[in-house]
Amino acid sequence: MKNIKKIAVTALIALCSLSLTGCGGKEPNEIAYVVALGIDKGDNDNFDITIQYANTTQISGGSSEEGGKNGSQIVENITVEAPTIYSAVGLANHIVSKTFSLSHAKLIVFSQEIAEEGLSDIIETFIRSEELRPDVNLAVAPDGANEYLIAVNPVMEVNPAKYYQMIYDKNSLIGVPDGAAKNFFFGIESGDYDCILPIAGVISGEKEQEGGDSGEGGGSATESTEGGGSEGNSGGSSAGDSETENENQKDAPLNEGRFEYKMKDYVGGQASVEQKNKSEAIGGAVFSKDKMVGVLGSIETELFKLILGDYKNSYLTFYNEDTPDDPVTVKAIQERRTKYKVNCNNKTVDVEMFIEGDVYSLPANYNIEANIVKFEDKAREYIENASQKFMTEFIGRYDSDIFRIKEKAKREFLTIQDFNNYKESVDLKDYKINVKANFKIRRTGLIVRENK
């Protein structure tokens, strides 16, 4: 009897396997894979949807003997005016011979105007979709989503989807915050925290004019001080004639603070570089719930990642009292997550960071081995001052909890109702911020000098 059951089960499995195999949908050569979407404000309350899709014949080489291409040749852009995202995709399907699929989309870019009006309706549409993946990256383009996507020219990548993945998923990039759609959606729906999305800018000039480091203007949120921040507007200007084409570069302020000494506080589109790819992702768009309320520069975004514990490894530049004209650069690593302690009764937030570093750049005649303890103490002081000032000024300026203080306070409550009441009534401006940094130099490099 048991053998008969086994035979019957085996036969049923074999029958199901045979009947369920094969292509029930479309062939791969009938599908156009969307790699990015751009959403701008249109006329009559519509959206201008830019659909960027991979030109597979250029990626693979197609019938050409030259092989695969790269850069702007591997993608095509279509802009459609429609009231919703999927109605735009439906219209675009009538323009190309293939059917668009969003299953491989890596990036969704919103214009700043759309972001300031609110993204909740659009994000809910994406989350409901079975095509878009929950980890698709979101970004904000001050110059417009269409302009950013057109400027993308990935000269080092054959696969355009890989290019976006490398830029926006590479969490070690200090000036690019995490922009996963699932985190943004959960922050809006739960109210536990607010989000920050990457700034996707377009470089308008190729060469910086004199006076570009004057420190005036800028695209950051806080005033330039010893802490390492800088004050300005949301940045982002369009390309103009020869007199104004480098306006973005001139607006990037030079940081005179001790943390990231002499570094410029860039926002997407402000970097002074000469390259074919005019697209750039750097800086952060600050959100309160689903609405964009401000912009952080690259240095402030770096501080944000350090404070949140989202910093992997990169380079930090410090002012050095012994060599005031020559800063010291270390490769910093955040080996341990940042510790938070929120006291709702005393209204205090204690933040403790753990950072280690290897010395990479310093003056040739400076013996850092003889001054290692002094340098560690000063670097620790600079990190603490910069972080505390940034957190305090940010909370005082914006009604936004990007530091996830409310989420960290959840453990203080016994019931979800008590926590919800706390979220609705709490004013983070009443809280005192205390930041402690632990900083140690692990290696001083291959050159070791004797103490003299």
Protein backbone atom coordinates (compact mmCIF):
# COMPACT_ATOMS: atom_id res chain seq x y z
CA MET A 1 0.00 0.00 0.00
CA LYS A 2 2.82 2.35 0.89
CA ASN A 3 4.54 1.63 -2.43
CA ILE A 4 1.35 2.46 -4.33
CA LYS A 5 1.11 5.83 -2.52
CA LYS A 6 4.73 6.62 -3.33
CA ILE A 7 4.20 5.76 -7.00
CA ALA A 8 1.05 7.91 -7.13
CA VAL A 9 2.78 10.91 -5.53
CA THR A 10 5.76 10.55 -7.87
CA ALA A 11 3.50 10.37 -10.90
CA LEU A 12 1.56 13.45 -9.74
CA ILE A 13 4.76 15.45 -9.25
CA ALA A 14 6.04 14.41 -12.68
CA LEU A 15 2.73 15.39 -14.30
CA CYS A 16 2.74 18.80 -12.60
CA SER A 17 6.36 19.38 -13.60
CA LEU A 18 5.59 18.67 -17.23
CA SER A 19 2.45 20.79 -17.30
CA LEU A 20 3.97 23.83 -15.54
CA THR A 21 7.16 24.12 -17.59
CA GLY A 22 7.63 26.43 -20.53
CA CYS A 23 7.15 30.17 -21.02
CA GLY A 24 3.75 31.28 -19.88
CA GLY A 25 4.58 34.95 -20.46
CA LYS A 26 6.67 36.81 -23.00
CA GLU A 27 9.97 35.89 -24.55
CA PRO A 28 12.98 37.92 -23.30
CA ASN A 29 13.42 39.53 -26.72
CA GLU A 30 9.85 40.87 -26.48
CA ILE A 31 10.54 42.85 -23.28
CA ALA A 32 12.13 46.28 -22.83
CA TYR A 33 13.70 46.45 -19.39
CA VAL A 34 13.29 49.78 -17.61
CA VAL A 35 16.39 50.72 -15.58
CA ALA A 36 15.23 54.10 -14.25
CA LEU A 37 12.15 56.31 -14.01
CA GLY A 38 12.08 60.10 -13.80
CA ILE A 39 9.05 61.98 -12.49
CA ASP A 40 8.61 65.71 -13.18
CA LYS A 41 5.71 68.10 -12.81
CA GLY A 42 3.59 68.28 -15.96
CA ASP A 43 0.66 70.36 -17.18
CA ASN A 44 -2.95 69.98 -16.03
CA ASP A 45 -1.93 68.19 -12.81
CA ASN A 46 -0.24 65.47 -14.84
CA PHE A 47 3.28 64.09 -14.54
CA ASP A 48 6.02 64.08 -17.14
CA ILE A 49 7.31 60.52 -16.80
CA THR A 50 10.73 59.76 -18.28
CA ILE A 51 11.25 56.06 -18.91
CA GLN A 52 14.88 55.05 -19.33
CA TYR A 53 15.28 51.55 -20.71
CA ALA A 54 18.22 49.42 -21.76
CA ASN A 55 19.08 49.17 -25.43
CA THR A 56 19.95 45.49 -25.36
CA THR A 57 21.25 45.44 -28.93
CA GLN A 58 23.99 47.90 -27.96
CA ILE A 59 24.82 46.16 -24.67
CA SER A 60 25.31 42.76 -26.28
CA GLY A 61 26.70 44.06 -29.53
CA GLY A 62 23.67 42.96 -31.52
CA SER A 63 24.49 42.32 -35.13
CA SER A 64 27.41 44.74 -35.03
CA GLU A 65 30.95 43.42 -35.27
CA GLU A 66 32.18 46.16 -32.93
CA GLY A 67 30.76 44.48 -29.83
CA GLY A 68 28.85 46.08 -26.99
CA LYS A 69 28.85 49.83 -26.38
CA ASN A 70 28.79 51.92 -23.24
CA GLY A 71 27.72 55.36 -22.12
CA SER A 72 24.55 57.03 -23.39
CA GLN A 73 24.39 54.61 -26.34
CA ILE A 74 23.23 51.77 -24.11
CA VAL A 75 20.06 53.48 -22.87
CA GLU A 76 17.09 55.19 -24.48
CA ASN A 77 14.75 57.75 -22.89
CA ILE A 78 11.06 58.27 -23.55
CA THR A 79 9.06 61.06 -21.85
CA VAL A 80 5.29 60.67 -21.61
CA GLU A 81 2.71 62.96 -20.00
CA ALA A 82 0.19 61.02 -17.93
CA PRO A 83 -1.74 61.26 -14.63
CA THR A 84 -0.14 58.13 -13.11
CA ILE A 85 3.04 56.10 -13.46
CA TYR A 86 1.48 53.01 -14.96
CA SER A 87 -0.71 54.95 -17.37
CA ALA A 88 2.53 56.48 -18.67
CA VAL A 89 4.04 53.01 -19.06
CA GLY A 90 0.91 51.91 -20.92
CA LEU A 91 1.17 54.85 -23.33
CA ALA A 92 4.88 54.24 -23.86
CA ASN A 93 4.15 50.64 -24.82
CA HIS A 94 2.50 52.03 -27.98
CA ILE A 95 5.68 53.87 -28.94
CA VAL A 96 8.19 51.01 -28.88
CA SER A 97 7.77 47.53 -30.30
CA LYS A 98 8.55 45.79 -27.01
CA THR A 99 6.64 45.74 -23.73
CA PHE A 100 8.12 47.65 -20.81
CA SER A 101 8.96 45.76 -17.63
CA LEU A 102 9.82 47.50 -14.34
CA SER A 103 11.16 44.35 -12.67
CA HIS A 104 14.79 45.43 -13.16
CA ALA A 105 14.36 49.14 -12.38
CA LYS A 106 17.13 50.36 -10.08
CA LEU A 107 16.32 54.04 -9.65
CA ILE A 108 13.32 56.36 -9.42
CA VAL A 109 14.15 60.07 -9.59
CA PHE A 110 11.76 62.82 -8.48
CA SER A 111 12.08 66.48 -9.35
CA GLN A 112 12.52 68.76 -6.35
CA GLU A 113 9.12 70.34 -7.07
CA ILE A 114 7.40 66.96 -6.84
CA ALA A 115 9.33 66.05 -3.67
CA GLU A 116 8.35 69.29 -1.94
CA GLU A 117 4.67 68.69 -2.69
CA GLY A 118 4.75 65.17 -1.20
CA LEU A 119 5.52 61.63 -2.35
CA SER A 120 3.08 59.52 -0.34
CA ASP A 121 0.66 58.79 -3.21
CA ILE A 122 3.46 57.93 -5.65
CA ILE A 123 5.33 55.75 -3.15
CA GLU A 124 2.17 53.81 -2.31
CA THR A 125 1.70 53.09 -6.01
CA PHE A 126 5.21 51.66 -6.20
CA ILE A 127 4.82 49.54 -3.08
CA ARG A 128 1.54 48.07 -4.36
CA SER A 129 3.18 47.00 -7.59
CA GLU A 130 4.40 43.44 -7.95
CA GLU A 131 6.90 44.56 -10.60
CA LEU A 132 8.99 47.08 -8.70
CA ARG A 133 11.29 45.68 -6.07
CA PRO A 134 11.07 47.14 -2.55
CA ASP A 135 14.78 47.96 -2.54
CA VAL A 136 14.60 50.16 -5.65
CA ASN A 137 16.49 53.40 -4.95
CA LEU A 138 14.82 56.80 -4.73
CA ALA A 139 16.54 60.14 -5.39
CA VAL A 140 15.67 63.84 -5.79
CA ALA A 141 16.90 65.92 -8.74
CA PRO A 142 16.98 69.71 -8.17
CA ASP A 143 17.50 70.30 -11.90
CA GLY A 144 14.68 67.96 -12.89
CA ALA A 145 14.43 64.19 -13.20
CA ASN A 146 14.43 64.23 -17.00
CA GLU A 147 17.56 66.37 -17.16
CA TYR A 148 19.37 64.07 -14.76
CA LEU A 149 18.52 60.88 -16.65
CA ILE A 150 19.55 62.43 -19.96
CA ALA A 151 22.88 63.46 -18.41
CA VAL A 152 23.67 59.91 -17.28
CA ASN A 153 26.56 58.60 -19.37
CA PRO A 154 28.10 55.55 -17.63
CA VAL A 155 31.39 55.36 -19.50
CA MET A 156 32.77 52.55 -17.29
CA GLU A 157 29.69 50.32 -17.25
CA VAL A 158 28.18 48.29 -20.06
CA ASN A 159 25.10 47.43 -18.01
CA PRO A 160 23.12 50.60 -17.11
CA ALA A 161 21.31 48.86 -14.25
CA LYS A 162 24.70 47.95 -12.78
CA TYR A 163 25.75 51.60 -12.97
CA TYR A 164 22.84 52.75 -10.79
CA GLN A 165 23.38 49.86 -8.43
CA MET A 166 27.05 50.76 -8.01
CA ILE A 167 26.29 54.44 -7.36
CA TYR A 168 23.24 54.22 -5.10
CA ASP A 169 23.73 50.86 -3.40
CA LYS A 170 27.38 51.46 -2.57
CA ASN A 171 26.84 52.32 1.07
CA SER A 172 30.51 53.14 1.63
CA LEU A 173 30.03 56.37 -0.34
CA ILE A 174 30.10 58.92 2.45
CA GLY A 175 28.04 61.58 0.70
CA VAL A 176 25.20 59.34 -0.51
CA PRO A 177 22.51 58.30 2.00
CA ASP A 178 20.46 55.13 1.76
CA GLY A 179 17.44 55.71 -0.48
CA ALA A 180 15.67 52.33 -0.52
CA ALA A 181 11.95 52.70 -1.24
CA LYS A 182 10.95 50.20 1.47
CA ASN A 183 12.63 52.29 4.20
CA PHE A 184 11.03 55.48 2.92
CA PHE A 185 7.58 53.89 2.81
CA PHE A 186 7.88 52.39 6.30
CA GLY A 187 9.00 55.75 7.70
CA ILE A 188 5.94 57.47 6.23
CA GLU A 189 3.46 54.80 7.31
CA SER A 190 4.79 54.16 10.82
CA GLY A 191 5.81 57.68 11.75
CA ASP A 192 8.77 56.23 13.68
CA TYR A 193 11.33 58.25 11.73
CA ASP A 194 11.85 60.55 8.77
CA CYS A 195 14.07 59.91 5.77
CA ILE A 196 16.80 61.46 3.71
CA LEU A 197 17.19 60.65 0.00
CA PRO A 198 20.21 61.12 -2.29
CA ILE A 199 20.52 64.28 -4.37
CA ALA A 200 20.89 63.50 -8.09
CA GLY A 201 22.44 66.51 -9.78
CA VAL A 202 23.74 67.54 -13.18
CA ILE A 203 27.20 69.10 -13.47
CA SER A 204 26.70 72.23 -15.57
CA GLY A 205 30.31 73.41 -15.95
CA GLU A 206 33.59 71.69 -16.71
CA LYS A 207 36.08 73.97 -15.04
CA GLU A 208 35.90 75.97 -11.85
CA GLN A 209 36.34 79.73 -12.00
CA GLU A 210 38.55 81.69 -9.68
CA GLY A 211 36.97 82.41 -6.34
CA GLY A 212 35.12 79.11 -6.41
CA ASP A 213 36.09 78.42 -2.82
CA SER A 214 34.86 81.70 -1.44
CA GLY A 215 32.37 79.88 0.74
CA GLU A 216 29.40 82.02 -0.26
CA GLY A 217 26.06 80.41 -0.97
CA GLY A 218 25.91 76.64 -1.02
CA GLY A 219 23.63 73.70 -0.72
CA SER A 220 23.88 72.68 2.92
CA ALA A 221 21.75 73.04 5.98
CA THR A 222 23.87 74.48 8.75
CA GLU A 223 26.30 77.34 9.19
CA SER A 224 30.04 76.84 8.62
CA THR A 225 31.80 76.62 11.98
CA GLU A 226 34.45 74.61 13.74
CA GLY A 227 31.94 71.79 13.71
CA GLY A 228 32.24 71.45 9.97
CA GLY A 229 28.86 72.49 8.56
CA SER A 230 27.79 75.27 6.23
CA GLU A 231 24.66 77.26 5.53
CA GLY A 232 22.89 77.84 2.23
CA ASN A 233 19.95 76.96 0.00
CA SER A 234 19.04 73.82 -1.71
CA GLY A 235 21.51 74.41 -4.53
CA GLY A 236 21.04 73.24 -8.10
CA SER A 237 21.16 75.69 -11.02
CA SER A 238 20.77 75.16 -14.73
CA ALA A 239 23.53 75.50 -17.30
CA GLY A 240 23.79 78.94 -18.81
CA ASP A 241 26.25 81.01 -20.83
CA SER A 242 29.99 81.17 -20.19
CA GLU A 243 29.55 83.59 -17.29
CA THR A 244 27.06 81.48 -15.38
CA GLU A 245 27.81 77.89 -16.42
CA ASN A 246 29.90 77.33 -13.28
CA GLU A 247 27.47 78.88 -10.81
CA ASN A 248 27.02 75.54 -9.07
CA GLN A 249 30.74 75.15 -8.54
CA LYS A 250 31.10 78.66 -7.12
CA ASP A 251 28.27 77.99 -4.68
CA ALA A 252 29.93 74.96 -3.07
CA PRO A 253 31.28 76.40 0.20
CA LEU A 254 34.79 75.65 1.44
CA ASN A 255 34.64 74.17 4.94
CA GLU A 256 36.99 75.86 7.42
CA GLY A 257 35.89 73.62 10.28
CA ARG A 258 38.36 71.29 11.97
CA PHE A 259 36.43 68.22 10.79
CA GLU A 260 36.82 67.66 7.03
CA TYR A 261 39.16 70.65 6.98
CA LYS A 262 39.38 72.50 3.64
CA MET A 263 36.86 70.14 2.04
CA LYS A 264 33.99 71.57 -0.02
CA ASP A 265 30.44 70.84 1.11
CA TYR A 266 29.06 69.68 -2.24
CA VAL A 267 25.50 68.98 -3.28
CA GLY A 268 24.67 66.98 -6.41
CA GLY A 269 25.68 68.99 -9.48
CA GLN A 270 28.24 71.22 -7.73
CA ALA A 271 31.40 69.13 -8.09
CA SER A 272 34.12 70.67 -10.22
CA VAL A 273 35.17 67.83 -12.51
CA GLU A 274 35.83 67.30 -16.19
CA GLN A 275 34.16 64.12 -17.41
CA LYS A 276 31.75 62.86 -20.03
CA ASN A 277 29.25 61.72 -17.41
CA LYS A 278 27.60 64.92 -16.16
CA SER A 279 25.35 63.16 -13.66
CA GLU A 280 26.34 63.11 -10.01
CA ALA A 281 24.89 61.75 -6.76
CA ILE A 282 26.03 63.51 -3.58
CA GLY A 283 24.28 65.17 -0.66
CA GLY A 284 20.87 64.47 0.85
CA ALA A 285 17.28 65.70 0.51
CA VAL A 286 15.70 66.02 3.97
CA PHE A 287 12.09 64.88 4.38
CA SER A 288 9.49 65.53 7.03
CA LYS A 289 7.04 62.67 6.54
CA ASP A 290 6.58 62.59 2.75
CA LYS A 291 7.57 66.19 1.95
CA MET A 292 11.04 67.49 1.21
CA VAL A 293 11.98 70.33 3.57
CA GLY A 294 15.72 70.90 3.10
CA VAL A 295 19.07 69.82 1.71
CA LEU A 296 22.27 68.54 3.30
CA GLY A 297 25.70 68.94 1.75
CA SER A 298 28.22 66.13 1.44
CA ILE A 299 29.92 66.87 4.79
CA GLU A 300 26.62 66.99 6.65
CA THR A 301 25.50 63.79 4.96
CA GLU A 302 28.75 62.21 6.10
CA LEU A 303 28.10 63.34 9.69
CA PHE A 304 24.55 61.98 9.42
CA LYS A 305 25.85 58.55 8.42
CA LEU A 306 28.39 58.58 11.25
CA ILE A 307 25.72 59.50 13.81
CA LEU A 308 23.22 56.97 12.49
CA GLY A 309 25.87 54.22 12.42
CA ASP A 310 25.51 53.82 8.65
CA TYR A 311 29.11 54.78 7.89
CA LYS A 312 31.25 51.96 6.49
CA ASN A 313 34.67 53.29 5.55
CA SER A 314 36.08 56.28 3.76
CA TYR A 315 38.52 59.16 4.21
CA LEU A 316 38.32 61.88 6.88
CA THR A 317 40.46 65.00 6.78
CA PHE A 318 41.36 66.75 10.05
CA TYR A 319 42.97 70.04 10.95
CA ASN A 320 46.31 69.51 12.69
CA GLU A 321 47.62 72.11 15.13
CA ASP A 322 51.25 71.13 14.49
CA THR A 323 50.86 71.60 10.72
CA PRO A 324 48.03 74.16 10.35
CA ASP A 325 48.50 74.60 6.59
CA ASP A 326 48.52 70.85 5.88
CA PRO A 327 45.61 68.68 7.07
CA VAL A 328 45.95 65.01 8.00
CA THR A 329 43.82 62.44 6.18
CA VAL A 330 42.92 59.07 7.67
CA LYS A 331 40.95 56.17 6.27
CA ALA A 332 38.18 55.84 8.85
CA ILE A 333 36.22 52.69 9.65
CA GLN A 334 33.11 52.46 11.82
CA GLU A 335 33.53 48.94 13.15
CA ARG A 336 30.71 49.13 15.72
CA ARG A 337 27.22 50.53 15.43
CA THR A 338 26.52 53.85 17.08
CA LYS A 339 24.97 53.57 20.54
CA TYR A 340 21.86 55.59 21.34
CA LYS A 341 20.34 56.20 24.76
CA VAL A 342 17.13 58.23 24.83
CA ASN A 343 15.77 59.34 28.21
CA CYS A 344 12.21 60.52 27.74
CA ASN A 345 11.88 61.77 31.33
CA ASN A 346 15.03 63.90 31.38
CA LYS A 347 14.68 64.66 27.66
CA THR A 348 18.24 63.77 26.75
CA VAL A 349 19.77 61.90 23.81
CA ASP A 350 23.20 60.33 24.35
CA VAL A 351 25.04 59.25 21.21
CA GLU A 352 28.31 57.31 21.29
CA MET A 353 30.31 56.62 18.12
CA PHE A 354 33.19 54.19 17.60
CA ILE A 355 35.67 55.09 14.85
CA GLU A 356 39.07 53.71 13.95
CA GLY A 357 41.46 55.00 11.33
CA ASP A 358 44.67 54.44 9.39
CA VAL A 359 46.85 57.45 8.58
CA TYR A 360 47.08 57.94 4.81
CA SER A 361 48.18 61.51 4.18
CA LEU A 362 50.29 63.94 6.24
CA PRO A 363 53.20 66.38 5.77
CA ALA A 364 56.49 64.66 4.95
CA ASN A 365 58.39 66.23 7.84
CA TYR A 366 55.72 65.57 10.49
CA ASN A 367 56.38 62.75 12.97
CA ILE A 368 52.87 61.61 13.82
CA GLU A 369 54.16 58.58 15.73
CA ALA A 370 55.50 60.92 18.40
CA ASN A 371 52.19 62.80 18.61
CA ILE A 372 49.70 59.99 18.13
CA VAL A 373 47.82 60.46 21.43
CA LYS A 374 47.51 64.21 20.89
CA PHE A 375 46.20 63.70 17.36
CA GLU A 376 43.65 61.11 18.51
CA ASP A 377 42.36 63.44 21.23
CA LYS A 378 42.02 66.36 18.84
CA ALA A 379 40.35 64.27 16.13
CA ARG A 380 37.92 62.93 18.73
CA GLU A 381 37.15 66.49 19.83
CA TYR A 382 36.56 67.65 16.24
CA ILE A 383 34.17 64.75 15.54
CA GLU A 384 32.23 65.38 18.75
CA ASN A 385 31.93 69.14 18.14
CA ALA A 386 30.89 68.72 14.52
CA SER A 387 28.34 66.00 15.26
CA GLN A 388 26.76 67.70 18.27
CA LYS A 389 26.50 71.05 16.51
CA PHE A 390 25.04 69.44 13.40
CA MET A 391 22.42 67.46 15.34
CA THR A 392 21.42 70.40 17.55
CA GLU A 393 21.10 72.88 14.69
CA PHE A 394 19.31 70.39 12.45
CA ILE A 395 16.69 69.53 15.07
CA GLY A 396 16.22 73.22 15.81
CA ARG A 397 15.68 74.04 12.14
CA TYR A 398 13.63 71.13 10.78
CA ASP A 399 10.64 69.22 12.05
CA SER A 400 12.29 66.01 10.89
CA ASP A 401 13.62 62.97 12.77
CA ILE A 402 16.22 61.63 10.35
CA PHE A 403 18.34 60.52 13.35
CA ARG A 404 15.53 58.10 14.33
CA ILE A 405 15.40 59.34 17.92
CA LYS A 406 11.73 58.37 18.27
CA GLU A 407 12.48 54.89 16.98
CA LYS A 408 15.31 54.54 19.53
CA ALA A 409 12.92 55.65 22.31
CA LYS A 410 10.47 52.83 21.55
CA ARG A 411 12.10 50.54 24.13
CA GLU A 412 11.11 53.00 26.87
CA PHE A 413 7.40 52.18 26.47
CA LEU A 414 5.47 49.09 27.53
CA THR A 415 2.60 49.34 25.03
CA ILE A 416 2.32 50.45 21.43
CA GLN A 417 -0.41 52.90 22.42
CA ASP A 418 1.93 54.67 24.84
CA PHE A 419 4.56 54.88 22.12
CA ASN A 420 2.06 56.26 19.58
CA ASN A 421 0.97 58.92 22.08
CA TYR A 422 4.63 59.83 22.58
CA LYS A 423 5.25 60.16 18.84
CA GLU A 424 2.28 62.49 18.43
CA SER A 425 3.21 64.79 21.32
CA VAL A 426 7.03 64.80 21.41
CA ASP A 427 8.98 67.88 20.35
CA LEU A 428 12.61 66.94 19.72
CA LYS A 429 13.63 70.58 20.08
CA ASP A 430 13.19 70.14 23.85
CA TYR A 431 15.83 67.39 23.98
CA LYS A 432 19.47 67.97 24.90
CA ILE A 433 21.94 66.24 22.59
CA ASN A 434 25.16 64.74 23.99
CA VAL A 435 27.67 63.20 21.58
CA LYS A 436 30.70 61.13 22.53
CA ALA A 437 33.22 59.88 19.98
CA ASN A 438 35.77 57.10 20.43
CA PHE A 439 38.60 57.49 17.94
CA LYS A 440 41.76 55.36 17.67
CA ILE A 441 44.54 55.23 15.09
CA ARG A 442 45.23 51.61 14.14
CA ARG A 443 48.13 52.10 11.73
CA THR A 444 50.36 55.04 10.84
CA GLY A 445 51.52 53.63 7.51
CA LEU A 446 54.60 51.85 6.24
CA ILE A 447 56.97 54.71 7.11
CA VAL A 448 57.86 54.76 10.81
CA ARG A 449 60.11 57.48 12.19
CA GLU A 450 62.05 57.34 15.42
CA ASN A 451 61.12 59.79 18.16
CA LYS A 452 63.48 62.72 18.28
